[in-house]
Each structure stands twice: as C-alpha cells, then as structure tokens.
Amino acid sequence: MARAMFDYTKAVLSKVSFDVNLFCKELKKALTRLLPYEVEELKLWVDSLIKQNPQLNQCLIYLNP
C-alpha cells in the first residue's frame, strides 16, 4: 500500500511540473505523507525531473533540511 502512495505522488508531481508554485506545494505535502525511505527515493527522482525542468530548481529547498 505504501508503494502505491509513492507511485501516486510521482504521478501528481509529474502532472503539476508545469507550475513551480503548485509543484512546490505538492512536494511539501508529499514529504509529510511518505515514509522516510520513500522520501530519499523521491529526492533522487525529483533531481532527475529538475534536470528536465530547470525552473523547478527553487523547490529543492524543501528537500534539503
């Protein structure tokens, strides 16, 4: 079940990646709902997404404590 939440989170973030503010909002929400090891995996996935969409770079502040 937890994997389903992780996959759902990635799908949502992919769909809102056109809007920086919405992406940051969904990213913050995801960080509160995912398990710690899923957050680490999400960080790697977001890094690869940011390489494709450099405008999302400002959302990295939520991933680095």
PDB file of N, CA and C in Angstrom:
ATOM      1  N   MET A   1       0.821  -1.194   0.000  1.00  0.00           N
ATOM      2  CA  MET A   1       0.000   0.000   0.000  1.00  0.00           C
ATOM      3  C   MET A   1       0.862   1.254   0.000  1.00  0.00           C
ATOM      4  N   ALA A   2       1.940   1.235   0.752  1.00  0.00           N
ATOM      5  CA  ALA A   2       2.801   2.409   0.809  1.00  0.00           C
ATOM      6  C   ALA A   2       3.412   2.693  -0.558  1.00  0.00           C
ATOM      7  N   ARG A   3       3.732   1.655  -1.305  1.00  0.00           N
ATOM      8  CA  ARG A   3       4.311   1.854  -2.637  1.00  0.00           C
ATOM      9  C   ARG A   3       3.312   2.558  -3.547  1.00  0.00           C
ATOM     10  N   ALA A   4       2.036   2.270  -3.352  1.00  0.00           N
ATOM     11  CA  ALA A   4       1.003   2.923  -4.154  1.00  0.00           C
ATOM     12  C   ALA A   4       1.005   4.430  -3.903  1.00  0.00           C
ATOM     13  N   MET A   5       1.216   4.834  -2.652  1.00  0.00           N
ATOM     14  CA  MET A   5       1.270   6.262  -2.328  1.00  0.00           C
ATOM     15  C   MET A   5       2.477   6.913  -2.982  1.00  0.00           C
ATOM     16  N   PHE A   6       3.588   6.210  -2.994  1.00  0.00           N
ATOM     17  CA  PHE A   6       4.797   6.742  -3.623  1.00  0.00           C
ATOM     18  C   PHE A   6       4.578   6.917  -5.128  1.00  0.00           C
ATOM     19  N   ASP A   7       4.003   5.916  -5.771  1.00  0.00           N
ATOM     20  CA  ASP A   7       3.742   5.998  -7.211  1.00  0.00           C
ATOM     21  C   ASP A   7       2.725   7.098  -7.516  1.00  0.00           C
ATOM     22  N   TYR A   8       1.725   7.236  -6.665  1.00  0.00           N
ATOM     23  CA  TYR A   8       0.734   8.290  -6.840  1.00  0.00           C
ATOM     24  C   TYR A   8       1.386   9.666  -6.710  1.00  0.00           C
ATOM     25  N   THR A   9       2.269   9.809  -5.746  1.00  0.00           N
ATOM     26  CA  THR A   9       2.977  11.071  -5.542  1.00  0.00           C
ATOM     27  C   THR A   9       3.795  11.446  -6.771  1.00  0.00           C
ATOM     28  N   LYS A  10       4.506  10.487  -7.337  1.00  0.00           N
ATOM     29  CA  LYS A  10       5.296  10.752  -8.540  1.00  0.00           C
ATOM     30  C   LYS A  10       4.398  11.157  -9.706  1.00  0.00           C
ATOM     31  N   ALA A  11       3.251  10.523  -9.833  1.00  0.00           N
ATOM     32  CA  ALA A  11       2.316  10.863 -10.907  1.00  0.00           C
ATOM     33  C   ALA A  11       1.805  12.296 -10.751  1.00  0.00           C
ATOM     34  N   VAL A  12       1.444  12.659  -9.522  1.00  0.00           N
ATOM     35  CA  VAL A  12       0.942  14.012  -9.267  1.00  0.00           C
ATOM     36  C   VAL A  12       2.023  15.046  -9.551  1.00  0.00           C
ATOM     37  N   LEU A  13       3.230  14.797  -9.057  1.00  0.00           N
ATOM     38  CA  LEU A  13       4.315  15.752  -9.264  1.00  0.00           C
ATOM     39  C   LEU A  13       4.650  15.899 -10.750  1.00  0.00           C
ATOM     40  N   SER A  14       4.578  14.818 -11.486  1.00  0.00           N
ATOM     41  CA  SER A  14       4.827  14.900 -12.931  1.00  0.00           C
ATOM     42  C   SER A  14       3.782  15.773 -13.617  1.00  0.00           C
ATOM     43  N   LYS A  15       2.525  15.609 -13.200  1.00  0.00           N
ATOM     44  CA  LYS A  15       1.430  16.354 -13.833  1.00  0.00           C
ATOM     45  C   LYS A  15       1.456  17.842 -13.505  1.00  0.00           C
ATOM     46  N   VAL A  16       1.977  18.211 -12.331  1.00  0.00           N
ATOM     47  CA  VAL A  16       1.986  19.625 -11.950  1.00  0.00           C
ATOM     48  C   VAL A  16       3.343  20.281 -12.179  1.00  0.00           C
ATOM     49  N   SER A  17       4.245  19.597 -12.849  1.00  0.00           N
ATOM     50  CA  SER A  17       5.594  20.138 -13.038  1.00  0.00           C
ATOM     51  C   SER A  17       5.623  21.367 -13.951  1.00  0.00           C
ATOM     52  N   PHE A  18       4.507  21.686 -14.599  1.00  0.00           N
ATOM     53  CA  PHE A  18       4.451  22.883 -15.437  1.00  0.00           C
ATOM     54  C   PHE A  18       4.363  24.161 -14.614  1.00  0.00           C
ATOM     55  N   ASP A  19       3.928  24.053 -13.353  1.00  0.00           N
ATOM     56  CA  ASP A  19       3.729  25.214 -12.485  1.00  0.00           C
ATOM     57  C   ASP A  19       4.615  25.069 -11.238  1.00  0.00           C
ATOM     58  N   VAL A  20       5.560  25.966 -11.082  1.00  0.00           N
ATOM     59  CA  VAL A  20       6.524  25.872  -9.980  1.00  0.00           C
ATOM     60  C   VAL A  20       5.832  25.944  -8.619  1.00  0.00           C
ATOM     61  N   ASN A  21       4.902  26.860  -8.443  1.00  0.00           N
ATOM     62  CA  ASN A  21       4.241  27.021  -7.150  1.00  0.00           C
ATOM     63  C   ASN A  21       3.433  25.775  -6.772  1.00  0.00           C
ATOM     64  N   LEU A  22       2.712  25.241  -7.736  1.00  0.00           N
ATOM     65  CA  LEU A  22       1.921  24.041  -7.483  1.00  0.00           C
ATOM     66  C   LEU A  22       2.823  22.840  -7.212  1.00  0.00           C
ATOM     67  N   PHE A  23       3.930  22.747  -7.933  1.00  0.00           N
ATOM     68  CA  PHE A  23       4.877  21.663  -7.717  1.00  0.00           C
ATOM     69  C   PHE A  23       5.449  21.730  -6.304  1.00  0.00           C
ATOM     70  N   CYS A  24       5.838  22.908  -5.858  1.00  0.00           N
ATOM     71  CA  CYS A  24       6.383  23.066  -4.503  1.00  0.00           C
ATOM     72  C   CYS A  24       5.344  22.696  -3.450  1.00  0.00           C
ATOM     73  N   LYS A  25       4.114  23.103  -3.664  1.00  0.00           N
ATOM     74  CA  LYS A  25       3.044  22.797  -2.722  1.00  0.00           C
ATOM     75  C   LYS A  25       2.833  21.284  -2.622  1.00  0.00           C
ATOM     76  N   GLU A  26       2.779  20.609  -3.760  1.00  0.00           N
ATOM     77  CA  GLU A  26       2.582  19.159  -3.761  1.00  0.00           C
ATOM     78  C   GLU A  26       3.795  18.423  -3.200  1.00  0.00           C
ATOM     79  N   LEU A  27       4.975  18.960  -3.428  1.00  0.00           N
ATOM     80  CA  LEU A  27       6.186  18.354  -2.888  1.00  0.00           C
ATOM     81  C   LEU A  27       6.185  18.421  -1.361  1.00  0.00           C
ATOM     82  N   LYS A  28       5.817  19.570  -0.810  1.00  0.00           N
ATOM     83  CA  LYS A  28       5.742  19.709   0.649  1.00  0.00           C
ATOM     84  C   LYS A  28       4.730  18.730   1.228  1.00  0.00           C
ATOM     85  N   LYS A  29       3.592  18.600   0.561  1.00  0.00           N
ATOM     86  CA  LYS A  29       2.567  17.676   1.022  1.00  0.00           C
ATOM     87  C   LYS A  29       3.079  16.233   0.979  1.00  0.00           C
ATOM     88  N   ALA A  30       3.787  15.891  -0.079  1.00  0.00           N
ATOM     89  CA  ALA A  30       4.313  14.531  -0.217  1.00  0.00           C
ATOM     90  C   ALA A  30       5.323  14.212   0.871  1.00  0.00           C
ATOM     91  N   LEU A  31       6.141  15.170   1.248  1.00  0.00           N
ATOM     92  CA  LEU A  31       7.161  14.926   2.263  1.00  0.00           C
ATOM     93  C   LEU A  31       6.557  14.622   3.628  1.00  0.00           C
ATOM     94  N   THR A  32       5.337  15.082   3.871  1.00  0.00           N
ATOM     95  CA  THR A  32       4.685  14.780   5.144  1.00  0.00           C
ATOM     96  C   THR A  32       3.992  13.421   5.127  1.00  0.00           C
ATOM     97  N   ARG A  33       3.692  12.900   3.944  1.00  0.00           N
ATOM     98  CA  ARG A  33       2.904  11.670   3.843  1.00  0.00           C
ATOM     99  C   ARG A  33       3.729  10.423   3.562  1.00  0.00           C
ATOM    100  N   LEU A  34       4.915  10.592   3.028  1.00  0.00           N
ATOM    101  CA  LEU A  34       5.716   9.428   2.653  1.00  0.00           C
ATOM    102  C   LEU A  34       6.580   8.949   3.816  1.00  0.00           C
ATOM    103  N   LEU A  35       6.963   7.696   3.736  1.00  0.00           N
ATOM    104  CA  LEU A  35       7.868   7.118   4.720  1.00  0.00           C
ATOM    105  C   LEU A  35       9.286   7.624   4.481  1.00  0.00           C
ATOM    106  N   PRO A  36      10.136   7.600   5.493  1.00  0.00           N
ATOM    107  CA  PRO A  36      11.491   8.161   5.347  1.00  0.00           C
ATOM    108  C   PRO A  36      12.296   7.578   4.179  1.00  0.00           C
ATOM    109  N   TYR A  37      12.229   6.269   3.966  1.00  0.00           N
ATOM    110  CA  TYR A  37      12.988   5.711   2.846  1.00  0.00           C
ATOM    111  C   TYR A  37      12.377   6.108   1.504  1.00  0.00           C
ATOM    112  N   GLU A  38      11.067   6.364   1.476  1.00  0.00           N
ATOM    113  CA  GLU A  38      10.429   6.825   0.239  1.00  0.00           C
ATOM    114  C   GLU A  38      10.808   8.275  -0.055  1.00  0.00           C
ATOM    115  N   VAL A  39      11.001   9.055   0.996  1.00  0.00           N
ATOM    116  CA  VAL A  39      11.439  10.446   0.811  1.00  0.00           C
ATOM    117  C   VAL A  39      12.813  10.471   0.163  1.00  0.00           C
ATOM    118  N   GLU A  40      13.699   9.581   0.594  1.00  0.00           N
ATOM    119  CA  GLU A  40      15.040   9.514  -0.011  1.00  0.00           C
ATOM    120  C   GLU A  40      14.952   9.136  -1.484  1.00  0.00           C
ATOM    121  N   GLU A  41      14.077   8.194  -1.800  1.00  0.00           N
ATOM    122  CA  GLU A  41      13.891   7.791  -3.188  1.00  0.00           C
ATOM    123  C   GLU A  41      13.258   8.924  -4.000  1.00  0.00           C
ATOM    124  N   LEU A  42      12.348   9.663  -3.377  1.00  0.00           N
ATOM    125  CA  LEU A  42      11.707  10.789  -4.049  1.00  0.00           C
ATOM    126  C   LEU A  42      12.725  11.883  -4.363  1.00  0.00           C
ATOM    127  N   LYS A  43      13.674  12.101  -3.473  1.00  0.00           N
ATOM    128  CA  LYS A  43      14.717  13.105  -3.710  1.00  0.00           C
ATOM    129  C   LYS A  43      15.482  12.788  -4.992  1.00  0.00           C
ATOM    130  N   LEU A  44      15.828  11.532  -5.179  1.00  0.00           N
ATOM    131  CA  LEU A  44      16.541  11.126  -6.393  1.00  0.00           C
ATOM    132  C   LEU A  44      15.675  11.350  -7.628  1.00  0.00           C
ATOM    133  N   TRP A  45      14.413  11.006  -7.515  1.00  0.00           N
ATOM    134  CA  TRP A  45      13.502  11.167  -8.645  1.00  0.00           C
ATOM    135  C   TRP A  45      13.303  12.654  -8.990  1.00  0.00           C
ATOM    136  N   VAL A  46      13.154  13.490  -7.966  1.00  0.00           N
ATOM    137  CA  VAL A  46      12.970  14.932  -8.198  1.00  0.00           C
ATOM    138  C   VAL A  46      14.229  15.531  -8.832  1.00  0.00           C
ATOM    139  N   ASP A  47      15.401  15.077  -8.412  1.00  0.00           N
ATOM    140  CA  ASP A  47      16.641  15.560  -9.028  1.00  0.00           C
ATOM    141  C   ASP A  47      16.655  15.296 -10.529  1.00  0.00           C
ATOM    142  N   SER A  48      16.218  14.116 -10.937  1.00  0.00           N
ATOM    143  CA  SER A  48      16.194  13.811 -12.366  1.00  0.00           C
ATOM    144  C   SER A  48      15.125  14.633 -13.083  1.00  0.00           C
ATOM    145  N   LEU A  49      14.015  14.904 -12.416  1.00  0.00           N
ATOM    146  CA  LEU A  49      12.960  15.727 -13.018  1.00  0.00           C
ATOM    147  C   LEU A  49      13.428  17.171 -13.177  1.00  0.00           C
ATOM    148  N   ILE A  50      14.188  17.661 -12.222  1.00  0.00           N
ATOM    149  CA  ILE A  50      14.678  19.038 -12.286  1.00  0.00           C
ATOM    150  C   ILE A  50      15.671  19.218 -13.436  1.00  0.00           C
ATOM    151  N   LYS A  51      16.392  18.173 -13.763  1.00  0.00           N
ATOM    152  CA  LYS A  51      17.298  18.256 -14.914  1.00  0.00           C
ATOM    153  C   LYS A  51      16.521  18.491 -16.201  1.00  0.00           C
ATOM    154  N   GLN A  52      15.301  17.975 -16.263  1.00  0.00           N
ATOM    155  CA  GLN A  52      14.449  18.178 -17.433  1.00  0.00           C
ATOM    156  C   GLN A  52      13.706  19.517 -17.367  1.00  0.00           C
ATOM    157  N   ASN A  53      13.399  19.966 -16.158  1.00  0.00           N
ATOM    158  CA  ASN A  53      12.651  21.206 -15.930  1.00  0.00           C
ATOM    159  C   ASN A  53      13.411  22.092 -14.948  1.00  0.00           C
ATOM    160  N   PRO A  54      14.410  22.831 -15.417  1.00  0.00           N
ATOM    161  CA  PRO A  54      15.263  23.617 -14.517  1.00  0.00           C
ATOM    162  C   PRO A  54      14.509  24.670 -13.690  1.00  0.00           C
ATOM    163  N   GLN A  55      13.351  25.093 -14.133  1.00  0.00           N
ATOM    164  CA  GLN A  55      12.611  26.112 -13.388  1.00  0.00           C
ATOM    165  C   GLN A  55      12.142  25.587 -12.034  1.00  0.00           C
ATOM    166  N   LEU A  56      12.093  24.269 -11.864  1.00  0.00           N
ATOM    167  CA  LEU A  56      11.671  23.674 -10.592  1.00  0.00           C
ATOM    168  C   LEU A  56      12.781  23.672  -9.547  1.00  0.00           C
ATOM    169  N   ASN A  57      13.931  24.175  -9.902  1.00  0.00           N
ATOM    170  CA  ASN A  57      15.100  24.158  -9.037  1.00  0.00           C
ATOM    171  C   ASN A  57      14.841  24.822  -7.683  1.00  0.00           C
ATOM    172  N   GLN A  58      14.004  25.831  -7.650  1.00  0.00           N
ATOM    173  CA  GLN A  58      13.743  26.540  -6.399  1.00  0.00           C
ATOM    174  C   GLN A  58      13.001  25.676  -5.383  1.00  0.00           C
ATOM    175  N   CYS A  59      12.407  24.566  -5.793  1.00  0.00           N
ATOM    176  CA  CYS A  59      11.706  23.677  -4.867  1.00  0.00           C
ATOM    177  C   CYS A  59      12.650  22.763  -4.110  1.00  0.00           C
ATOM    178  N   LEU A  60      13.920  22.772  -4.468  1.00  0.00           N
ATOM    179  CA  LEU A  60      14.892  21.929  -3.785  1.00  0.00           C
ATOM    180  C   LEU A  60      15.065  22.286  -2.314  1.00  0.00           C
ATOM    181  N   ILE A  61      14.697  23.509  -1.941  1.00  0.00           N
ATOM    182  CA  ILE A  61      14.857  23.922  -0.546  1.00  0.00           C
ATOM    183  C   ILE A  61      14.022  23.050   0.391  1.00  0.00           C
ATOM    184  N   TYR A  62      12.946  22.447  -0.112  1.00  0.00           N
ATOM    185  CA  TYR A  62      12.108  21.583   0.725  1.00  0.00           C
ATOM    186  C   TYR A  62      12.732  20.206   0.914  1.00  0.00           C
ATOM    187  N   LEU A  63      13.647  19.835   0.044  1.00  0.00           N
ATOM    188  CA  LEU A  63      14.278  18.517   0.130  1.00  0.00           C
ATOM    189  C   LEU A  63      15.531  18.517   0.983  1.00  0.00           C
ATOM    190  N   ASN A  64      16.128  19.673   1.190  1.00  0.00           N
ATOM    191  CA  ASN A  64      17.347  19.764   1.980  1.00  0.00           C
ATOM    192  C   ASN A  64      17.025  20.394   3.336  1.00  0.00           C
ATOM    193  N   PRO A  65      17.090  19.599   4.398  1.00  0.00           N
ATOM    194  CA  PRO A  65      16.707  20.146   5.722  1.00  0.00           C
ATOM    195  C   PRO A  65      17.708  21.139   6.252  1.00  0.00           C
TER     196      PRO A  65
END
